[in-house]
Amino acid sequence: MTPNQINVLQIADLAFEIEHASIEIEKDEDECRWNVNVLTVERAVNGGVEEKQWCPRLYGEYVSMPSAELAVGTVIEVPEGYDEESDEYNFAMYVFEHEEAFGNRLQVLELIDNRVLISWQGLCHINWGAPYDRDVPFKLEAWFSVSEN
């Protein structure tokens, strides 16, 4: 993996420009949850089984976090991306199919107006042959737009 580049999703040795990064915050009386979504620009990838177009999507749903104003400096670590109770992925990477993203570590670095700078790293399964098969590392540092419901 290469050093962090802003607004780039790094998957193993592949870099994908981030087209859209957003956080939708849902609040109720007792809790604040973030839905985090990253969409990348499609590009051709050589390796694995054959050349294919990749357009990865990384997302985290119902992530317990403080409100955006209080989140700067917050670090959360979520070892599992699959929630047994709901039978759903809370953290997932989509390349060819939805696969669990695990070993997640998210850090809120900065807040400016309605944008948040986040560092996110973890592992995922892509199932495309070595080195893009199982336990593939990913990371990003990106600015996310923030909206609240």
N, C-alpha and C. Protein backbone atom coordinates (compact mmCIF):
# COMPACT_ATOMS: atom_id res chain seq x y z
N MET A 1 0.85 -1.18 0.00
CA MET A 1 0.00 0.00 0.00
C MET A 1 0.90 1.24 0.00
N THR A 2 0.43 2.27 -0.66
CA THR A 2 1.19 3.51 -0.77
C THR A 2 0.76 4.50 0.30
N PRO A 3 1.53 5.59 0.47
CA PRO A 3 1.14 6.60 1.47
C PRO A 3 -0.24 7.18 1.13
N ASN A 4 -0.90 7.72 2.16
CA ASN A 4 -2.25 8.27 1.97
C ASN A 4 -2.27 9.39 0.95
N GLN A 5 -3.25 9.32 0.06
CA GLN A 5 -3.57 10.39 -0.86
C GLN A 5 -4.98 10.82 -0.50
N ILE A 6 -5.26 12.10 -0.53
CA ILE A 6 -6.59 12.59 -0.20
C ILE A 6 -7.56 12.24 -1.33
N ASN A 7 -8.75 11.78 -0.95
CA ASN A 7 -9.85 11.46 -1.87
C ASN A 7 -9.50 10.34 -2.85
N VAL A 8 -8.75 9.36 -2.34
CA VAL A 8 -8.41 8.17 -3.11
C VAL A 8 -8.66 6.95 -2.22
N LEU A 9 -9.35 5.95 -2.78
CA LEU A 9 -9.52 4.67 -2.09
C LEU A 9 -8.41 3.75 -2.58
N GLN A 10 -7.58 3.32 -1.66
CA GLN A 10 -6.48 2.42 -1.97
C GLN A 10 -6.90 1.00 -1.61
N ILE A 11 -6.90 0.08 -2.57
CA ILE A 11 -7.19 -1.33 -2.34
C ILE A 11 -5.95 -2.10 -2.76
N ALA A 12 -5.24 -2.67 -1.78
CA ALA A 12 -3.94 -3.30 -2.03
C ALA A 12 -3.06 -2.29 -2.78
N ASP A 13 -2.60 -2.61 -3.99
CA ASP A 13 -1.73 -1.70 -4.74
C ASP A 13 -2.49 -0.87 -5.77
N LEU A 14 -3.83 -0.89 -5.72
CA LEU A 14 -4.66 -0.17 -6.68
C LEU A 14 -5.23 1.10 -6.07
N ALA A 15 -5.21 2.19 -6.83
CA ALA A 15 -5.77 3.45 -6.37
C ALA A 15 -7.00 3.80 -7.21
N PHE A 16 -8.08 4.18 -6.52
CA PHE A 16 -9.32 4.56 -7.18
C PHE A 16 -9.71 5.96 -6.74
N GLU A 17 -9.89 6.84 -7.71
CA GLU A 17 -10.34 8.20 -7.40
C GLU A 17 -11.74 8.12 -6.80
N ILE A 18 -11.97 8.86 -5.74
CA ILE A 18 -13.29 8.89 -5.12
C ILE A 18 -14.15 9.91 -5.85
N GLU A 19 -15.28 9.43 -6.36
CA GLU A 19 -16.23 10.28 -7.07
C GLU A 19 -17.19 10.97 -6.10
N HIS A 20 -17.57 10.24 -5.05
CA HIS A 20 -18.56 10.75 -4.10
C HIS A 20 -18.31 10.12 -2.74
N ALA A 21 -18.25 10.94 -1.70
CA ALA A 21 -18.13 10.44 -0.33
C ALA A 21 -19.12 11.22 0.52
N SER A 22 -20.02 10.49 1.17
CA SER A 22 -21.06 11.17 1.94
C SER A 22 -21.34 10.45 3.25
N ILE A 23 -21.85 11.23 4.19
CA ILE A 23 -22.30 10.71 5.48
C ILE A 23 -23.69 11.26 5.72
N GLU A 24 -24.59 10.35 6.00
CA GLU A 24 -25.94 10.74 6.39
C GLU A 24 -26.07 10.41 7.87
N ILE A 25 -26.37 11.42 8.67
CA ILE A 25 -26.45 11.23 10.12
C ILE A 25 -27.92 11.14 10.53
N GLU A 26 -28.22 10.08 11.26
CA GLU A 26 -29.57 9.89 11.80
C GLU A 26 -29.48 10.04 13.31
N LYS A 27 -30.32 10.92 13.87
CA LYS A 27 -30.32 11.15 15.31
C LYS A 27 -31.69 10.81 15.88
N ASP A 28 -31.66 10.25 17.08
CA ASP A 28 -32.88 10.15 17.87
C ASP A 28 -32.52 10.64 19.27
N GLU A 29 -33.38 10.44 20.22
CA GLU A 29 -33.14 10.97 21.57
C GLU A 29 -31.88 10.43 22.21
N ASP A 30 -31.59 9.16 21.98
CA ASP A 30 -30.50 8.49 22.69
C ASP A 30 -29.26 8.22 21.86
N GLU A 31 -29.35 8.32 20.55
CA GLU A 31 -28.25 7.81 19.73
C GLU A 31 -28.08 8.62 18.46
N CYS A 32 -26.85 8.59 17.96
CA CYS A 32 -26.51 9.21 16.69
C CYS A 32 -25.83 8.12 15.86
N ARG A 33 -26.34 7.90 14.65
CA ARG A 33 -25.77 6.87 13.78
C ARG A 33 -25.40 7.49 12.44
N TRP A 34 -24.27 7.03 11.92
CA TRP A 34 -23.79 7.52 10.64
C TRP A 34 -23.93 6.43 9.58
N ASN A 35 -24.39 6.81 8.40
CA ASN A 35 -24.35 5.96 7.22
C ASN A 35 -23.28 6.56 6.31
N VAL A 36 -22.20 5.82 6.10
CA VAL A 36 -21.02 6.31 5.40
C VAL A 36 -20.94 5.62 4.05
N ASN A 37 -20.78 6.40 2.99
CA ASN A 37 -20.82 5.84 1.64
C ASN A 37 -19.71 6.43 0.77
N VAL A 38 -18.96 5.55 0.10
CA VAL A 38 -17.88 5.97 -0.80
C VAL A 38 -18.09 5.31 -2.16
N LEU A 39 -18.17 6.13 -3.19
CA LEU A 39 -18.26 5.65 -4.57
C LEU A 39 -17.03 6.10 -5.33
N THR A 40 -16.48 5.23 -6.16
CA THR A 40 -15.26 5.55 -6.90
C THR A 40 -15.53 5.68 -8.39
N VAL A 41 -14.55 6.21 -9.09
CA VAL A 41 -14.58 6.31 -10.54
C VAL A 41 -14.16 4.95 -11.11
N GLU A 42 -14.90 4.47 -12.09
CA GLU A 42 -14.60 3.18 -12.71
C GLU A 42 -13.27 3.23 -13.45
N ARG A 43 -12.53 2.11 -13.37
CA ARG A 43 -11.28 1.99 -14.12
C ARG A 43 -10.97 0.53 -14.40
N ALA A 44 -10.14 0.29 -15.42
CA ALA A 44 -9.74 -1.07 -15.77
C ALA A 44 -8.65 -1.54 -14.81
N VAL A 45 -8.73 -2.82 -14.44
CA VAL A 45 -7.73 -3.43 -13.57
C VAL A 45 -7.22 -4.69 -14.24
N ASN A 46 -5.90 -4.78 -14.38
CA ASN A 46 -5.25 -5.99 -14.88
C ASN A 46 -4.79 -6.82 -13.70
N GLY A 47 -4.83 -8.11 -13.84
CA GLY A 47 -4.38 -8.97 -12.75
C GLY A 47 -5.48 -9.93 -12.36
N GLY A 48 -5.23 -10.66 -11.29
CA GLY A 48 -6.24 -11.63 -10.89
C GLY A 48 -6.52 -12.58 -12.03
N VAL A 49 -7.76 -12.73 -12.39
CA VAL A 49 -8.18 -13.69 -13.40
C VAL A 49 -8.09 -13.12 -14.81
N GLU A 50 -8.47 -11.86 -15.00
CA GLU A 50 -8.51 -11.21 -16.31
C GLU A 50 -8.57 -9.71 -16.12
N GLU A 51 -8.58 -8.95 -17.21
CA GLU A 51 -8.80 -7.51 -17.09
C GLU A 51 -10.30 -7.27 -16.94
N LYS A 52 -10.64 -6.43 -15.99
CA LYS A 52 -12.04 -6.09 -15.74
C LYS A 52 -12.15 -4.64 -15.33
N GLN A 53 -13.34 -4.09 -15.53
CA GLN A 53 -13.64 -2.75 -15.03
C GLN A 53 -14.05 -2.87 -13.56
N TRP A 54 -13.43 -2.07 -12.72
CA TRP A 54 -13.76 -2.02 -11.30
C TRP A 54 -14.35 -0.65 -10.99
N CYS A 55 -15.35 -0.63 -10.14
CA CYS A 55 -15.93 0.61 -9.63
C CYS A 55 -16.33 0.35 -8.17
N PRO A 56 -15.32 0.22 -7.29
CA PRO A 56 -15.61 -0.16 -5.90
C PRO A 56 -16.52 0.83 -5.18
N ARG A 57 -17.31 0.27 -4.30
CA ARG A 57 -18.14 1.05 -3.36
C ARG A 57 -17.85 0.51 -1.97
N LEU A 58 -17.55 1.40 -1.04
CA LEU A 58 -17.28 1.04 0.35
C LEU A 58 -18.34 1.74 1.19
N TYR A 59 -18.92 1.00 2.13
CA TYR A 59 -19.94 1.64 2.95
C TYR A 59 -20.02 1.05 4.35
N GLY A 60 -20.48 1.88 5.27
CA GLY A 60 -20.75 1.49 6.64
C GLY A 60 -22.12 2.01 7.00
N GLU A 61 -22.96 1.16 7.56
CA GLU A 61 -24.33 1.55 7.87
C GLU A 61 -24.58 1.45 9.37
N TYR A 62 -25.30 2.43 9.89
CA TYR A 62 -25.70 2.47 11.30
C TYR A 62 -24.50 2.44 12.24
N VAL A 63 -23.49 3.24 11.90
CA VAL A 63 -22.28 3.32 12.70
C VAL A 63 -22.54 4.28 13.86
N SER A 64 -22.41 3.81 15.09
CA SER A 64 -22.62 4.67 16.26
C SER A 64 -21.47 5.65 16.39
N MET A 65 -21.78 6.92 16.28
CA MET A 65 -20.80 8.00 16.37
C MET A 65 -21.46 9.19 17.03
N PRO A 66 -20.66 10.12 17.57
CA PRO A 66 -21.25 11.37 18.08
C PRO A 66 -21.71 12.24 16.91
N SER A 67 -22.40 13.32 17.21
CA SER A 67 -22.78 14.27 16.16
C SER A 67 -21.50 14.79 15.50
N ALA A 68 -21.64 15.31 14.29
CA ALA A 68 -20.47 15.76 13.52
C ALA A 68 -19.67 16.80 14.30
N GLU A 69 -20.36 17.70 15.01
CA GLU A 69 -19.67 18.76 15.75
C GLU A 69 -18.77 18.21 16.86
N LEU A 70 -19.14 17.06 17.41
CA LEU A 70 -18.38 16.47 18.52
C LEU A 70 -17.45 15.34 18.09
N ALA A 71 -17.46 14.99 16.82
CA ALA A 71 -16.77 13.78 16.38
C ALA A 71 -15.28 13.94 16.11
N VAL A 72 -14.79 15.16 15.92
CA VAL A 72 -13.38 15.35 15.58
C VAL A 72 -12.50 14.71 16.65
N GLY A 73 -11.58 13.88 16.22
CA GLY A 73 -10.70 13.15 17.12
C GLY A 73 -11.22 11.78 17.50
N THR A 74 -12.48 11.50 17.20
CA THR A 74 -13.07 10.21 17.52
C THR A 74 -12.46 9.12 16.65
N VAL A 75 -12.14 7.99 17.27
CA VAL A 75 -11.67 6.80 16.56
C VAL A 75 -12.60 5.66 16.95
N ILE A 76 -13.11 4.95 15.95
CA ILE A 76 -13.87 3.74 16.25
C ILE A 76 -13.21 2.57 15.54
N GLU A 77 -13.25 1.45 16.20
CA GLU A 77 -12.72 0.22 15.62
C GLU A 77 -13.82 -0.82 15.66
N VAL A 78 -14.14 -1.37 14.50
CA VAL A 78 -15.19 -2.38 14.38
C VAL A 78 -14.56 -3.59 13.70
N PRO A 79 -14.25 -4.63 14.49
CA PRO A 79 -13.53 -5.78 13.93
C PRO A 79 -14.36 -6.57 12.92
N GLU A 80 -15.65 -6.66 13.12
CA GLU A 80 -16.51 -7.44 12.22
C GLU A 80 -17.39 -6.50 11.41
N GLY A 81 -17.58 -6.80 10.13
CA GLY A 81 -18.44 -6.00 9.30
C GLY A 81 -19.82 -6.60 9.13
N TYR A 82 -20.01 -7.81 9.65
CA TYR A 82 -21.28 -8.51 9.50
C TYR A 82 -21.98 -8.57 10.85
N ASP A 83 -23.24 -8.19 10.89
CA ASP A 83 -24.02 -8.20 12.12
C ASP A 83 -24.90 -9.44 12.15
N GLU A 84 -24.57 -10.36 13.04
CA GLU A 84 -25.32 -11.63 13.16
C GLU A 84 -26.79 -11.38 13.49
N GLU A 85 -27.04 -10.42 14.37
CA GLU A 85 -28.41 -10.17 14.83
C GLU A 85 -29.32 -9.74 13.69
N SER A 86 -28.87 -8.81 12.85
CA SER A 86 -29.69 -8.33 11.74
C SER A 86 -29.50 -9.14 10.46
N ASP A 87 -28.47 -10.01 10.43
CA ASP A 87 -28.13 -10.79 9.25
C ASP A 87 -27.81 -9.88 8.06
N GLU A 88 -27.12 -8.77 8.34
CA GLU A 88 -26.77 -7.78 7.33
C GLU A 88 -25.31 -7.37 7.50
N TYR A 89 -24.73 -6.87 6.41
CA TYR A 89 -23.41 -6.25 6.49
C TYR A 89 -23.59 -4.83 7.00
N ASN A 90 -22.88 -4.48 8.08
CA ASN A 90 -22.83 -3.09 8.52
C ASN A 90 -21.69 -2.37 7.80
N PHE A 91 -20.64 -3.12 7.48
CA PHE A 91 -19.52 -2.58 6.71
C PHE A 91 -19.29 -3.52 5.54
N ALA A 92 -19.22 -2.96 4.33
CA ALA A 92 -19.03 -3.82 3.17
C ALA A 92 -18.28 -3.08 2.06
N MET A 93 -17.65 -3.89 1.21
CA MET A 93 -16.99 -3.41 -0.01
C MET A 93 -17.69 -4.11 -1.16
N TYR A 94 -18.10 -3.32 -2.15
CA TYR A 94 -18.70 -3.91 -3.35
C TYR A 94 -17.73 -3.69 -4.50
N VAL A 95 -17.25 -4.80 -5.08
CA VAL A 95 -16.50 -4.73 -6.33
C VAL A 95 -17.27 -5.55 -7.37
N PHE A 96 -17.39 -6.86 -7.13
CA PHE A 96 -18.19 -7.72 -8.00
C PHE A 96 -19.44 -8.21 -7.28
N GLU A 97 -19.38 -8.20 -5.96
CA GLU A 97 -20.52 -8.53 -5.12
C GLU A 97 -20.26 -7.91 -3.74
N HIS A 98 -21.30 -7.81 -2.93
CA HIS A 98 -21.15 -7.26 -1.58
C HIS A 98 -20.40 -8.26 -0.72
N GLU A 99 -19.28 -7.82 -0.16
CA GLU A 99 -18.47 -8.65 0.73
C GLU A 99 -18.16 -7.86 1.99
N GLU A 100 -18.01 -8.57 3.08
CA GLU A 100 -17.74 -7.95 4.37
C GLU A 100 -16.44 -7.15 4.34
N ALA A 101 -16.50 -5.94 4.90
CA ALA A 101 -15.30 -5.16 5.19
C ALA A 101 -15.09 -5.30 6.70
N PHE A 102 -13.93 -5.73 7.12
CA PHE A 102 -13.71 -6.03 8.53
C PHE A 102 -12.39 -5.43 8.99
N GLY A 103 -12.16 -5.46 10.31
CA GLY A 103 -10.96 -4.81 10.84
C GLY A 103 -11.02 -3.31 10.61
N ASN A 104 -12.22 -2.76 10.60
CA ASN A 104 -12.42 -1.35 10.30
C ASN A 104 -11.88 -0.45 11.40
N ARG A 105 -11.20 0.59 10.98
CA ARG A 105 -10.75 1.65 11.89
C ARG A 105 -11.05 2.98 11.21
N LEU A 106 -11.96 3.73 11.79
CA LEU A 106 -12.35 5.03 11.27
C LEU A 106 -11.92 6.10 12.25
N GLN A 107 -11.34 7.17 11.72
CA GLN A 107 -10.95 8.31 12.55
C GLN A 107 -11.44 9.59 11.90
N VAL A 108 -12.11 10.41 12.69
CA VAL A 108 -12.58 11.71 12.22
C VAL A 108 -11.45 12.71 12.49
N LEU A 109 -10.91 13.27 11.41
CA LEU A 109 -9.72 14.12 11.52
C LEU A 109 -10.04 15.60 11.60
N GLU A 110 -11.07 16.04 10.86
CA GLU A 110 -11.32 17.48 10.77
C GLU A 110 -12.76 17.71 10.33
N LEU A 111 -13.33 18.84 10.75
CA LEU A 111 -14.67 19.26 10.35
C LEU A 111 -14.60 20.69 9.87
N ILE A 112 -15.06 20.93 8.65
CA ILE A 112 -15.16 22.28 8.11
C ILE A 112 -16.53 22.40 7.47
N ASP A 113 -17.34 23.30 8.02
CA ASP A 113 -18.71 23.51 7.56
C ASP A 113 -19.45 22.17 7.58
N ASN A 114 -19.96 21.73 6.45
CA ASN A 114 -20.69 20.45 6.41
C ASN A 114 -19.85 19.36 5.72
N ARG A 115 -18.53 19.43 5.93
CA ARG A 115 -17.63 18.42 5.38
C ARG A 115 -16.74 17.88 6.50
N VAL A 116 -16.50 16.56 6.46
CA VAL A 116 -15.70 15.89 7.47
C VAL A 116 -14.58 15.13 6.77
N LEU A 117 -13.35 15.28 7.29
CA LEU A 117 -12.21 14.52 6.79
C LEU A 117 -12.08 13.26 7.62
N ILE A 118 -12.14 12.11 6.95
CA ILE A 118 -12.10 10.82 7.64
C ILE A 118 -10.97 9.96 7.09
N SER A 119 -10.30 9.26 7.99
CA SER A 119 -9.34 8.22 7.65
C SER A 119 -10.03 6.89 7.95
N TRP A 120 -9.98 5.95 6.99
CA TRP A 120 -10.66 4.67 7.16
C TRP A 120 -9.76 3.59 6.59
N GLN A 121 -9.53 2.55 7.36
CA GLN A 121 -8.75 1.41 6.87
C GLN A 121 -9.35 0.12 7.36
N GLY A 122 -9.05 -0.95 6.66
CA GLY A 122 -9.54 -2.26 7.04
C GLY A 122 -9.14 -3.31 6.02
N LEU A 123 -9.87 -4.41 6.04
CA LEU A 123 -9.65 -5.53 5.12
C LEU A 123 -10.97 -5.91 4.47
N CYS A 124 -10.89 -6.51 3.29
CA CYS A 124 -12.10 -6.95 2.61
C CYS A 124 -11.79 -8.17 1.73
N HIS A 125 -12.82 -8.82 1.28
CA HIS A 125 -12.70 -9.91 0.31
C HIS A 125 -13.20 -9.40 -1.04
N ILE A 126 -12.43 -9.67 -2.08
CA ILE A 126 -12.84 -9.29 -3.44
C ILE A 126 -13.11 -10.53 -4.28
N ASN A 127 -12.40 -11.61 -4.00
CA ASN A 127 -12.61 -12.88 -4.70
C ASN A 127 -12.29 -12.80 -6.19
N TRP A 128 -11.10 -12.26 -6.49
CA TRP A 128 -10.69 -12.13 -7.89
C TRP A 128 -9.30 -12.72 -8.12
N GLY A 129 -8.85 -13.60 -7.28
CA GLY A 129 -7.52 -14.19 -7.43
C GLY A 129 -6.45 -13.32 -6.80
N ALA A 130 -5.31 -13.94 -6.50
CA ALA A 130 -4.22 -13.24 -5.84
C ALA A 130 -3.73 -12.08 -6.71
N PRO A 131 -3.43 -10.95 -6.12
CA PRO A 131 -3.47 -10.61 -4.70
C PRO A 131 -4.79 -9.96 -4.28
N TYR A 132 -5.81 -10.11 -5.09
CA TYR A 132 -7.10 -9.44 -4.83
C TYR A 132 -8.19 -10.44 -4.46
N ASP A 133 -7.84 -11.39 -3.64
CA ASP A 133 -8.78 -12.45 -3.31
C ASP A 133 -9.37 -12.22 -1.92
N ARG A 134 -8.69 -12.70 -0.89
CA ARG A 134 -9.18 -12.64 0.49
C ARG A 134 -8.28 -11.74 1.34
N ASP A 135 -8.86 -11.15 2.36
CA ASP A 135 -8.11 -10.32 3.32
C ASP A 135 -7.28 -9.23 2.62
N VAL A 136 -7.90 -8.53 1.70
CA VAL A 136 -7.24 -7.49 0.91
C VAL A 136 -7.31 -6.17 1.70
N PRO A 137 -6.17 -5.53 1.95
CA PRO A 137 -6.20 -4.27 2.71
C PRO A 137 -6.74 -3.11 1.87
N PHE A 138 -7.45 -2.22 2.55
CA PHE A 138 -7.91 -0.98 1.92
C PHE A 138 -7.68 0.16 2.90
N LYS A 139 -7.60 1.37 2.35
CA LYS A 139 -7.52 2.57 3.18
C LYS A 139 -7.92 3.77 2.34
N LEU A 140 -8.34 4.79 3.04
CA LEU A 140 -8.65 6.05 2.39
C LEU A 140 -8.52 7.17 3.40
N GLU A 141 -8.32 8.35 2.89
CA GLU A 141 -8.45 9.58 3.64
C GLU A 141 -9.19 10.50 2.69
N ALA A 142 -10.41 10.90 3.10
CA ALA A 142 -11.25 11.64 2.17
C ALA A 142 -12.16 12.62 2.89
N TRP A 143 -12.56 13.62 2.14
CA TRP A 143 -13.56 14.59 2.61
C TRP A 143 -14.95 14.04 2.27
N PHE A 144 -15.81 14.01 3.27
CA PHE A 144 -17.18 13.52 3.13
C PHE A 144 -18.14 14.69 3.32
N SER A 145 -19.14 14.78 2.44
CA SER A 145 -20.23 15.73 2.70
C SER A 145 -21.11 15.14 3.79
N VAL A 146 -21.69 15.99 4.62
CA VAL A 146 -22.49 15.53 5.76
C VAL A 146 -23.89 16.12 5.65
N SER A 147 -24.89 15.25 5.83
CA SER A 147 -26.27 15.70 5.94
C SER A 147 -26.90 15.02 7.14
N GLU A 148 -27.86 15.71 7.76
CA GLU A 148 -28.53 15.15 8.93
C GLU A 148 -30.01 14.99 8.65
N ASN A 149 -30.56 13.88 9.13
CA ASN A 149 -32.00 13.64 9.03
C ASN A 149 -32.66 13.91 10.36
